[in-house]
Amino acid sequence: KMKELIKANVDFLRMDVSKEDALRMFAYNKYKVELINSRIADGETASVFRCGNFIDLCRGPHVARTGLVKALWIQRSSGCYWKGDQAR
């Protein structure tokens, strides 16, 4: 999938959105809502990046577009607990 995205040369678009807009954008995900509420003060903005139809919270920076990625290496993948809490 990563190789397909690199070949597609999709732009990364940074958007700064209000805390309220971020809460609306990610209302479907209780974990992202928790991050927004705990890390972004009222009246501040959050940075989100869009790549094709995928959008997510991120501080960045990123390369301008996926076609600039010349190599990738996934070293490992693992599961984890949300903030170290096995009940979450």
PDB file of N, CA and C in Angstrom:
ATOM      1  N   LYS A   1       0.837  -1.200   0.000  1.00  0.00           N
ATOM      2  CA  LYS A   1       0.000   0.000   0.000  1.00  0.00           C
ATOM      3  C   LYS A   1       0.873   1.252   0.000  1.00  0.00           C
ATOM      4  N   MET A   2       1.945   1.223   0.797  1.00  0.00           N
ATOM      5  CA  MET A   2       2.850   2.381   0.844  1.00  0.00           C
ATOM      6  C   MET A   2       3.461   2.646  -0.535  1.00  0.00           C
ATOM      7  N   LYS A   3       3.844   1.609  -1.225  1.00  0.00           N
ATOM      8  CA  LYS A   3       4.421   1.792  -2.566  1.00  0.00           C
ATOM      9  C   LYS A   3       3.406   2.411  -3.523  1.00  0.00           C
ATOM     10  N   GLU A   4       2.134   2.038  -3.389  1.00  0.00           N
ATOM     11  CA  GLU A   4       1.079   2.637  -4.219  1.00  0.00           C
ATOM     12  C   GLU A   4       0.939   4.126  -3.927  1.00  0.00           C
ATOM     13  N   LEU A   5       0.974   4.491  -2.646  1.00  0.00           N
ATOM     14  CA  LEU A   5       0.869   5.905  -2.273  1.00  0.00           C
ATOM     15  C   LEU A   5       2.057   6.716  -2.775  1.00  0.00           C
ATOM     16  N   ILE A   6       3.239   6.139  -2.691  1.00  0.00           N
ATOM     17  CA  ILE A   6       4.426   6.833  -3.188  1.00  0.00           C
ATOM     18  C   ILE A   6       4.293   7.067  -4.694  1.00  0.00           C
ATOM     19  N   LYS A   7       3.892   6.044  -5.414  1.00  0.00           N
ATOM     20  CA  LYS A   7       3.733   6.165  -6.868  1.00  0.00           C
ATOM     21  C   LYS A   7       2.653   7.188  -7.237  1.00  0.00           C
ATOM     22  N   ALA A   8       1.607   7.307  -6.429  1.00  0.00           N
ATOM     23  CA  ALA A   8       0.513   8.242  -6.707  1.00  0.00           C
ATOM     24  C   ALA A   8       0.932   9.699  -6.515  1.00  0.00           C
ATOM     25  N   ASN A   9       2.034   9.943  -5.799  1.00  0.00           N
ATOM     26  CA  ASN A   9       2.569  11.294  -5.602  1.00  0.00           C
ATOM     27  C   ASN A   9       1.512  12.246  -5.032  1.00  0.00           C
ATOM     28  N   VAL A  10       0.870  11.820  -3.953  1.00  0.00           N
ATOM     29  CA  VAL A  10      -0.214  12.574  -3.321  1.00  0.00           C
ATOM     30  C   VAL A  10       0.369  13.656  -2.413  1.00  0.00           C
ATOM     31  N   ASP A  11      -0.201  14.859  -2.475  1.00  0.00           N
ATOM     32  CA  ASP A  11       0.254  15.973  -1.642  1.00  0.00           C
ATOM     33  C   ASP A  11      -0.136  15.784  -0.183  1.00  0.00           C
ATOM     34  N   PHE A  12       0.729  16.262   0.717  1.00  0.00           N
ATOM     35  CA  PHE A  12       0.396  16.420   2.122  1.00  0.00           C
ATOM     36  C   PHE A  12      -0.037  17.866   2.285  1.00  0.00           C
ATOM     37  N   LEU A  13      -1.203  18.083   2.816  1.00  0.00           N
ATOM     38  CA  LEU A  13      -1.729  19.429   3.011  1.00  0.00           C
ATOM     39  C   LEU A  13      -1.911  19.674   4.496  1.00  0.00           C
ATOM     40  N   ARG A  14      -1.205  20.683   5.022  1.00  0.00           N
ATOM     41  CA  ARG A  14      -1.345  21.041   6.435  1.00  0.00           C
ATOM     42  C   ARG A  14      -2.480  22.045   6.567  1.00  0.00           C
ATOM     43  N   MET A  15      -3.314  21.815   7.578  1.00  0.00           N
ATOM     44  CA  MET A  15      -4.395  22.740   7.871  1.00  0.00           C
ATOM     45  C   MET A  15      -4.373  23.029   9.363  1.00  0.00           C
ATOM     46  N   ASP A  16      -4.468  24.286   9.742  1.00  0.00           N
ATOM     47  CA  ASP A  16      -4.620  24.664  11.139  1.00  0.00           C
ATOM     48  C   ASP A  16      -6.094  24.929  11.368  1.00  0.00           C
ATOM     49  N   VAL A  17      -6.681  24.196  12.299  1.00  0.00           N
ATOM     50  CA  VAL A  17      -8.117  24.309  12.562  1.00  0.00           C
ATOM     51  C   VAL A  17      -8.333  24.677  14.026  1.00  0.00           C
ATOM     52  N   SER A  18      -9.433  25.314  14.302  1.00  0.00           N
ATOM     53  CA  SER A  18      -9.752  25.663  15.690  1.00  0.00           C
ATOM     54  C   SER A  18      -9.975  24.389  16.499  1.00  0.00           C
ATOM     55  N   LYS A  19      -9.855  24.521  17.799  1.00  0.00           N
ATOM     56  CA  LYS A  19     -10.109  23.375  18.678  1.00  0.00           C
ATOM     57  C   LYS A  19     -11.518  22.846  18.448  1.00  0.00           C
ATOM     58  N   GLU A  20     -12.472  23.756  18.302  1.00  0.00           N
ATOM     59  CA  GLU A  20     -13.869  23.363  18.102  1.00  0.00           C
ATOM     60  C   GLU A  20     -14.037  22.585  16.798  1.00  0.00           C
ATOM     61  N   ASP A  21     -13.393  23.059  15.726  1.00  0.00           N
ATOM     62  CA  ASP A  21     -13.470  22.339  14.446  1.00  0.00           C
ATOM     63  C   ASP A  21     -12.805  20.973  14.549  1.00  0.00           C
ATOM     64  N   ALA A  22     -11.671  20.907  15.243  1.00  0.00           N
ATOM     65  CA  ALA A  22     -10.984  19.619  15.418  1.00  0.00           C
ATOM     66  C   ALA A  22     -11.875  18.643  16.177  1.00  0.00           C
ATOM     67  N   LEU A  23     -12.550  19.130  17.212  1.00  0.00           N
ATOM     68  CA  LEU A  23     -13.458  18.254  17.967  1.00  0.00           C
ATOM     69  C   LEU A  23     -14.590  17.735  17.084  1.00  0.00           C
ATOM     70  N   ARG A  24     -15.095  18.569  16.194  1.00  0.00           N
ATOM     71  CA  ARG A  24     -16.147  18.116  15.267  1.00  0.00           C
ATOM     72  C   ARG A  24     -15.586  17.116  14.252  1.00  0.00           C
ATOM     73  N   MET A  25     -14.397  17.399  13.732  1.00  0.00           N
ATOM     74  CA  MET A  25     -13.789  16.531  12.717  1.00  0.00           C
ATOM     75  C   MET A  25     -13.539  15.119  13.244  1.00  0.00           C
ATOM     76  N   PHE A  26     -13.140  15.031  14.517  1.00  0.00           N
ATOM     77  CA  PHE A  26     -12.743  13.743  15.080  1.00  0.00           C
ATOM     78  C   PHE A  26     -13.708  13.232  16.142  1.00  0.00           C
ATOM     79  N   ALA A  27     -14.940  13.711  16.107  1.00  0.00           N
ATOM     80  CA  ALA A  27     -15.943  13.312  17.101  1.00  0.00           C
ATOM     81  C   ALA A  27     -16.191  11.796  17.094  1.00  0.00           C
ATOM     82  N   TYR A  28     -15.923  11.133  16.004  1.00  0.00           N
ATOM     83  CA  TYR A  28     -16.134   9.691  15.885  1.00  0.00           C
ATOM     84  C   TYR A  28     -15.105   8.881  16.681  1.00  0.00           C
ATOM     85  N   ASN A  29     -14.029   9.548  17.180  1.00  0.00           N
ATOM     86  CA  ASN A  29     -12.939   8.833  17.835  1.00  0.00           C
ATOM     87  C   ASN A  29     -12.690   9.410  19.234  1.00  0.00           C
ATOM     88  N   LYS A  30     -13.097   8.688  20.254  1.00  0.00           N
ATOM     89  CA  LYS A  30     -12.994   9.193  21.621  1.00  0.00           C
ATOM     90  C   LYS A  30     -11.549   9.448  22.041  1.00  0.00           C
ATOM     91  N   TYR A  31     -10.606   8.720  21.482  1.00  0.00           N
ATOM     92  CA  TYR A  31      -9.203   8.912  21.838  1.00  0.00           C
ATOM     93  C   TYR A  31      -8.657  10.217  21.262  1.00  0.00           C
ATOM     94  N   LYS A  32      -9.027  10.528  20.043  1.00  0.00           N
ATOM     95  CA  LYS A  32      -8.592  11.794  19.454  1.00  0.00           C
ATOM     96  C   LYS A  32      -9.250  12.980  20.150  1.00  0.00           C
ATOM     97  N   VAL A  33     -10.519  12.817  20.520  1.00  0.00           N
ATOM     98  CA  VAL A  33     -11.208  13.870  21.274  1.00  0.00           C
ATOM     99  C   VAL A  33     -10.479  14.110  22.594  1.00  0.00           C
ATOM    100  N   GLU A  34     -10.076  13.037  23.263  1.00  0.00           N
ATOM    101  CA  GLU A  34      -9.333  13.167  24.517  1.00  0.00           C
ATOM    102  C   GLU A  34      -8.010  13.907  24.299  1.00  0.00           C
ATOM    103  N   LEU A  35      -7.284  13.573  23.230  1.00  0.00           N
ATOM    104  CA  LEU A  35      -6.032  14.271  22.924  1.00  0.00           C
ATOM    105  C   LEU A  35      -6.261  15.753  22.672  1.00  0.00           C
ATOM    106  N   ILE A  36      -7.267  16.048  21.890  1.00  0.00           N
ATOM    107  CA  ILE A  36      -7.569  17.448  21.574  1.00  0.00           C
ATOM    108  C   ILE A  36      -7.891  18.218  22.848  1.00  0.00           C
ATOM    109  N   ASN A  37      -8.747  17.649  23.674  1.00  0.00           N
ATOM    110  CA  ASN A  37      -9.143  18.335  24.912  1.00  0.00           C
ATOM    111  C   ASN A  37      -7.993  18.495  25.899  1.00  0.00           C
ATOM    112  N   SER A  38      -7.072  17.537  25.916  1.00  0.00           N
ATOM    113  CA  SER A  38      -5.983  17.600  26.892  1.00  0.00           C
ATOM    114  C   SER A  38      -4.777  18.409  26.409  1.00  0.00           C
ATOM    115  N   ARG A  39      -4.626  18.587  25.107  1.00  0.00           N
ATOM    116  CA  ARG A  39      -3.412  19.236  24.597  1.00  0.00           C
ATOM    117  C   ARG A  39      -3.624  20.578  23.915  1.00  0.00           C
ATOM    118  N   ILE A  40      -4.867  20.913  23.622  1.00  0.00           N
ATOM    119  CA  ILE A  40      -5.136  22.162  22.908  1.00  0.00           C
ATOM    120  C   ILE A  40      -6.017  23.042  23.783  1.00  0.00           C
ATOM    121  N   ALA A  41      -5.510  24.208  24.091  1.00  0.00           N
ATOM    122  CA  ALA A  41      -6.259  25.139  24.941  1.00  0.00           C
ATOM    123  C   ALA A  41      -7.406  25.757  24.151  1.00  0.00           C
ATOM    124  N   ASP A  42      -8.433  26.166  24.862  1.00  0.00           N
ATOM    125  CA  ASP A  42      -9.542  26.869  24.225  1.00  0.00           C
ATOM    126  C   ASP A  42      -8.992  28.095  23.504  1.00  0.00           C
ATOM    127  N   GLY A  43      -9.460  28.316  22.289  1.00  0.00           N
ATOM    128  CA  GLY A  43      -9.006  29.452  21.497  1.00  0.00           C
ATOM    129  C   GLY A  43      -7.746  29.181  20.690  1.00  0.00           C
ATOM    130  N   GLU A  44      -7.080  28.043  20.921  1.00  0.00           N
ATOM    131  CA  GLU A  44      -5.879  27.679  20.169  1.00  0.00           C
ATOM    132  C   GLU A  44      -6.275  26.862  18.939  1.00  0.00           C
ATOM    133  N   THR A  45      -5.290  26.589  18.096  1.00  0.00           N
ATOM    134  CA  THR A  45      -5.545  25.791  16.897  1.00  0.00           C
ATOM    135  C   THR A  45      -4.805  24.458  16.970  1.00  0.00           C
ATOM    136  N   ALA A  46      -5.280  23.515  16.196  1.00  0.00           N
ATOM    137  CA  ALA A  46      -4.653  22.198  16.053  1.00  0.00           C
ATOM    138  C   ALA A  46      -4.191  22.052  14.614  1.00  0.00           C
ATOM    139  N   SER A  47      -3.083  21.367  14.419  1.00  0.00           N
ATOM    140  CA  SER A  47      -2.655  21.108  13.049  1.00  0.00           C
ATOM    141  C   SER A  47      -3.108  19.710  12.647  1.00  0.00           C
ATOM    142  N   VAL A  48      -3.661  19.639  11.456  1.00  0.00           N
ATOM    143  CA  VAL A  48      -4.057  18.367  10.870  1.00  0.00           C
ATOM    144  C   VAL A  48      -3.438  18.306   9.482  1.00  0.00           C
ATOM    145  N   PHE A  49      -3.140  17.096   9.056  1.00  0.00           N
ATOM    146  CA  PHE A  49      -2.602  16.901   7.719  1.00  0.00           C
ATOM    147  C   PHE A  49      -3.549  16.032   6.927  1.00  0.00           C
ATOM    148  N   ARG A  50      -3.695  16.372   5.668  1.00  0.00           N
ATOM    149  CA  ARG A  50      -4.527  15.601   4.741  1.00  0.00           C
ATOM    150  C   ARG A  50      -3.628  15.043   3.664  1.00  0.00           C
ATOM    151  N   CYS A  51      -3.822  13.772   3.363  1.00  0.00           N
ATOM    152  CA  CYS A  51      -3.111  13.107   2.277  1.00  0.00           C
ATOM    153  C   CYS A  51      -4.158  12.289   1.536  1.00  0.00           C
ATOM    154  N   GLY A  52      -4.586  12.780   0.383  1.00  0.00           N
ATOM    155  CA  GLY A  52      -5.688  12.133  -0.322  1.00  0.00           C
ATOM    156  C   GLY A  52      -6.947  12.258   0.508  1.00  0.00           C
ATOM    157  N   ASN A  53      -7.592  11.135   0.783  1.00  0.00           N
ATOM    158  CA  ASN A  53      -8.818  11.185   1.591  1.00  0.00           C
ATOM    159  C   ASN A  53      -8.548  10.879   3.065  1.00  0.00           C
ATOM    160  N   PHE A  54      -7.284  10.739   3.441  1.00  0.00           N
ATOM    161  CA  PHE A  54      -6.913  10.481   4.833  1.00  0.00           C
ATOM    162  C   PHE A  54      -6.553  11.790   5.519  1.00  0.00           C
ATOM    163  N   ILE A  55      -7.098  12.011   6.699  1.00  0.00           N
ATOM    164  CA  ILE A  55      -6.802  13.214   7.475  1.00  0.00           C
ATOM    165  C   ILE A  55      -6.596  12.808   8.929  1.00  0.00           C
ATOM    166  N   ASP A  56      -5.578  13.427   9.574  1.00  0.00           N
ATOM    167  CA  ASP A  56      -5.310  13.075  10.962  1.00  0.00           C
ATOM    168  C   ASP A  56      -4.594  14.209  11.666  1.00  0.00           C
ATOM    169  N   LEU A  57      -4.666  14.188  12.977  1.00  0.00           N
ATOM    170  CA  LEU A  57      -3.926  15.129  13.798  1.00  0.00           C
ATOM    171  C   LEU A  57      -2.436  14.865  13.627  1.00  0.00           C
ATOM    172  N   CYS A  58      -1.645  15.908  13.532  1.00  0.00           N
ATOM    173  CA  CYS A  58      -0.201  15.729  13.437  1.00  0.00           C
ATOM    174  C   CYS A  58       0.473  17.086  13.556  1.00  0.00           C
ATOM    175  N   ARG A  59       1.586  17.126  14.259  1.00  0.00           N
ATOM    176  CA  ARG A  59       2.354  18.368  14.362  1.00  0.00           C
ATOM    177  C   ARG A  59       3.169  18.627  13.110  1.00  0.00           C
ATOM    178  N   GLY A  60       3.529  17.555  12.389  1.00  0.00           N
ATOM    179  CA  GLY A  60       4.368  17.705  11.213  1.00  0.00           C
ATOM    180  C   GLY A  60       5.805  17.943  11.629  1.00  0.00           C
ATOM    181  N   PRO A  61       6.665  18.338  10.750  1.00  0.00           N
ATOM    182  CA  PRO A  61       6.400  18.569   9.333  1.00  0.00           C
ATOM    183  C   PRO A  61       6.432  17.269   8.526  1.00  0.00           C
ATOM    184  N   HIS A  62       6.030  17.377   7.287  1.00  0.00           N
ATOM    185  CA  HIS A  62       6.013  16.254   6.362  1.00  0.00           C
ATOM    186  C   HIS A  62       6.753  16.646   5.092  1.00  0.00           C
ATOM    187  N   VAL A  63       7.073  15.651   4.300  1.00  0.00           N
ATOM    188  CA  VAL A  63       7.518  15.950   2.947  1.00  0.00           C
ATOM    189  C   VAL A  63       6.326  16.557   2.218  1.00  0.00           C
ATOM    190  N   ALA A  64       6.572  17.263   1.146  1.00  0.00           N
ATOM    191  CA  ALA A  64       5.488  17.944   0.432  1.00  0.00           C
ATOM    192  C   ALA A  64       4.495  16.981  -0.212  1.00  0.00           C
ATOM    193  N   ARG A  65       5.004  15.850  -0.674  1.00  0.00           N
ATOM    194  CA  ARG A  65       4.135  14.870  -1.336  1.00  0.00           C
ATOM    195  C   ARG A  65       4.759  13.478  -1.226  1.00  0.00           C
ATOM    196  N   THR A  66       3.924  12.475  -1.362  1.00  0.00           N
ATOM    197  CA  THR A  66       4.384  11.100  -1.156  1.00  0.00           C
ATOM    198  C   THR A  66       5.446  10.681  -2.156  1.00  0.00           C
ATOM    199  N   GLY A  67       5.442  11.251  -3.347  1.00  0.00           N
ATOM    200  CA  GLY A  67       6.414  10.878  -4.369  1.00  0.00           C
ATOM    201  C   GLY A  67       7.852  11.206  -3.996  1.00  0.00           C
ATOM    202  N   LEU A  68       8.046  12.037  -2.986  1.00  0.00           N
ATOM    203  CA  LEU A  68       9.400  12.377  -2.540  1.00  0.00           C
ATOM    204  C   LEU A  68      10.003  11.315  -1.628  1.00  0.00           C
ATOM    205  N   VAL A  69       9.201  10.364  -1.191  1.00  0.00           N
ATOM    206  CA  VAL A  69       9.707   9.277  -0.350  1.00  0.00           C
ATOM    207  C   VAL A  69      10.459   8.310  -1.259  1.00  0.00           C
ATOM    208  N   LYS A  70      11.733   8.130  -0.967  1.00  0.00           N
ATOM    209  CA  LYS A  70      12.562   7.272  -1.823  1.00  0.00           C
ATOM    210  C   LYS A  70      12.807   5.901  -1.221  1.00  0.00           C
ATOM    211  N   ALA A  71      12.595   5.758   0.063  1.00  0.00           N
ATOM    212  CA  ALA A  71      12.806   4.463   0.718  1.00  0.00           C
ATOM    213  C   ALA A  71      11.920   4.399   1.951  1.00  0.00           C
ATOM    214  N   LEU A  72      11.533   3.201   2.311  1.00  0.00           N
ATOM    215  CA  LEU A  72      10.798   3.025   3.547  1.00  0.00           C
ATOM    216  C   LEU A  72      11.173   1.690   4.140  1.00  0.00           C
ATOM    217  N   TRP A  73      11.094   1.648   5.456  1.00  0.00           N
ATOM    218  CA  TRP A  73      11.460   0.443   6.172  1.00  0.00           C
ATOM    219  C   TRP A  73      10.597   0.367   7.423  1.00  0.00           C
ATOM    220  N   ILE A  74       9.727  -0.587   7.467  1.00  0.00           N
ATOM    221  CA  ILE A  74       8.911  -0.803   8.647  1.00  0.00           C
ATOM    222  C   ILE A  74       9.679  -1.790   9.518  1.00  0.00           C
ATOM    223  N   GLN A  75      10.175  -1.299  10.642  1.00  0.00           N
ATOM    224  CA  GLN A  75      11.016  -2.123  11.492  1.00  0.00           C
ATOM    225  C   GLN A  75      10.214  -3.086  12.347  1.00  0.00           C
ATOM    226  N   ARG A  76       9.074  -2.621  12.857  1.00  0.00           N
ATOM    227  CA  ARG A  76       8.227  -3.498  13.660  1.00  0.00           C
ATOM    228  C   ARG A  76       6.849  -2.874  13.802  1.00  0.00           C
ATOM    229  N   SER A  77       5.931  -3.701  14.222  1.00  0.00           N
ATOM    230  CA  SER A  77       4.576  -3.253  14.490  1.00  0.00           C
ATOM    231  C   SER A  77       4.110  -3.993  15.733  1.00  0.00           C
ATOM    232  N   SER A  78       3.430  -3.273  16.619  1.00  0.00           N
ATOM    233  CA  SER A  78       2.965  -3.932  17.832  1.00  0.00           C
ATOM    234  C   SER A  78       1.709  -3.253  18.344  1.00  0.00           C
ATOM    235  N   GLY A  79       0.998  -3.943  19.182  1.00  0.00           N
ATOM    236  CA  GLY A  79      -0.162  -3.370  19.837  1.00  0.00           C
ATOM    237  C   GLY A  79       0.268  -2.630  21.095  1.00  0.00           C
ATOM    238  N   CYS A  80      -0.604  -1.833  21.607  1.00  0.00           N
ATOM    239  CA  CYS A  80      -0.280  -1.122  22.845  1.00  0.00           C
ATOM    240  C   CYS A  80      -1.573  -0.740  23.559  1.00  0.00           C
ATOM    241  N   TYR A  81      -1.413  -0.289  24.790  1.00  0.00           N
ATOM    242  CA  TYR A  81      -2.528   0.206  25.565  1.00  0.00           C
ATOM    243  C   TYR A  81      -2.586   1.715  25.423  1.00  0.00           C
ATOM    244  N   TRP A  82      -3.774   2.273  25.424  1.00  0.00           N
ATOM    245  CA  TRP A  82      -3.931   3.715  25.360  1.00  0.00           C
ATOM    246  C   TRP A  82      -3.394   4.322  26.645  1.00  0.00           C
ATOM    247  N   LYS A  83      -2.350   5.107  26.533  1.00  0.00           N
ATOM    248  CA  LYS A  83      -1.698   5.785  27.654  1.00  0.00           C
ATOM    249  C   LYS A  83      -1.308   4.802  28.762  1.00  0.00           C
ATOM    250  N   GLY A  84      -0.901   3.582  28.364  1.00  0.00           N
ATOM    251  CA  GLY A  84      -0.420   2.586  29.309  1.00  0.00           C
ATOM    252  C   GLY A  84      -1.487   1.920  30.146  1.00  0.00           C
ATOM    253  N   ASP A  85      -2.742   2.142  29.854  1.00  0.00           N
ATOM    254  CA  ASP A  85      -3.852   1.581  30.632  1.00  0.00           C
ATOM    255  C   ASP A  85      -4.437   0.389  29.886  1.00  0.00           C
ATOM    256  N   GLN A  86      -4.256  -0.823  30.423  1.00  0.00           N
ATOM    257  CA  GLN A  86      -4.729  -2.021  29.727  1.00  0.00           C
ATOM    258  C   GLN A  86      -6.238  -2.092  29.574  1.00  0.00           C
ATOM    259  N   ALA A  87      -6.971  -1.314  30.361  1.00  0.00           N
ATOM    260  CA  ALA A  87      -8.423  -1.289  30.239  1.00  0.00           C
ATOM    261  C   ALA A  87      -8.868  -0.415  29.075  1.00  0.00           C
ATOM    262  N   ARG A  88      -7.923   0.331  28.470  1.00  0.00           N
ATOM    263  CA  ARG A  88      -8.248   1.228  27.380  1.00  0.00           C
ATOM    264  C   ARG A  88      -7.569   0.756  26.126  1.00  0.00           C
TER     265      ARG A  88
END
